[in-house]
Amino acid sequence: MPLVKSRPLTMHDYRRLPEGPPHCQLIEGELEMSPSPNRYHQDILFNIAYLLRQYLERNSIGKVYVAPFDVCLTDLNVYQPDIAFVSQRKFSILTDQGAEGAPDLVVEILSPRTAEMDKGIKREIYFRTGVKELWIVDPDSKGIAVYRLRENAETPAATYGENETFESELLPGLKIETSRIFF
């Protein structure tokens, strides 16, 4: 008797789930649940979100969202990036449920449970669906890898350590001191 393989889950299936917790993501048709991040992860998340929010209050060029915030990239991929920035010109992707389409910038903060996916399949899907920039933040090394996905999805454009400053082409004039992220 042949084995029956179940079909991949879709965005429609995902939207029928009860509101979290537990929070899940749909990655290539597979439902991935993960526990709440640790406290340091949350500190980093809010430090970055705070810096972006302050910048956007002075420069009204878009909006920033923090997880849990559904980003529907394809029918088989609905992610909850730690942080998503959507520029004004892409506001059409915003819906009552989150975003349907690629944000301009995505920030993923690594944790033991999600690091492989964040650096692997999710980075690849972000590239394929049009995310312009991805920051992979490593709490252990206190480093940030900045990918400019339109230029090179495999190798970061730059990496920054604990006491460095960097800028994003998407946020003109914002200088981010990594020491303000990792404290």
Foldseek 3Di string as FASTA:
>chain_A
DDDDDDDFAWPVNVVVDDDDVVDWWQFQRDTGTDDDDDPQLVLLLVLVQVLVVVLCVVPVFWDKDAPPAWEAQDGRTTDRARMFTATPVRCVQQDPRHGDAAGQEGEHEDDPVCNCVVLPRVLVSNLVGPHQWYWYAYLVQLKIFIQRSVVPSNHGPDMDGQADWDDDPVRPPRIDGSVSNRD
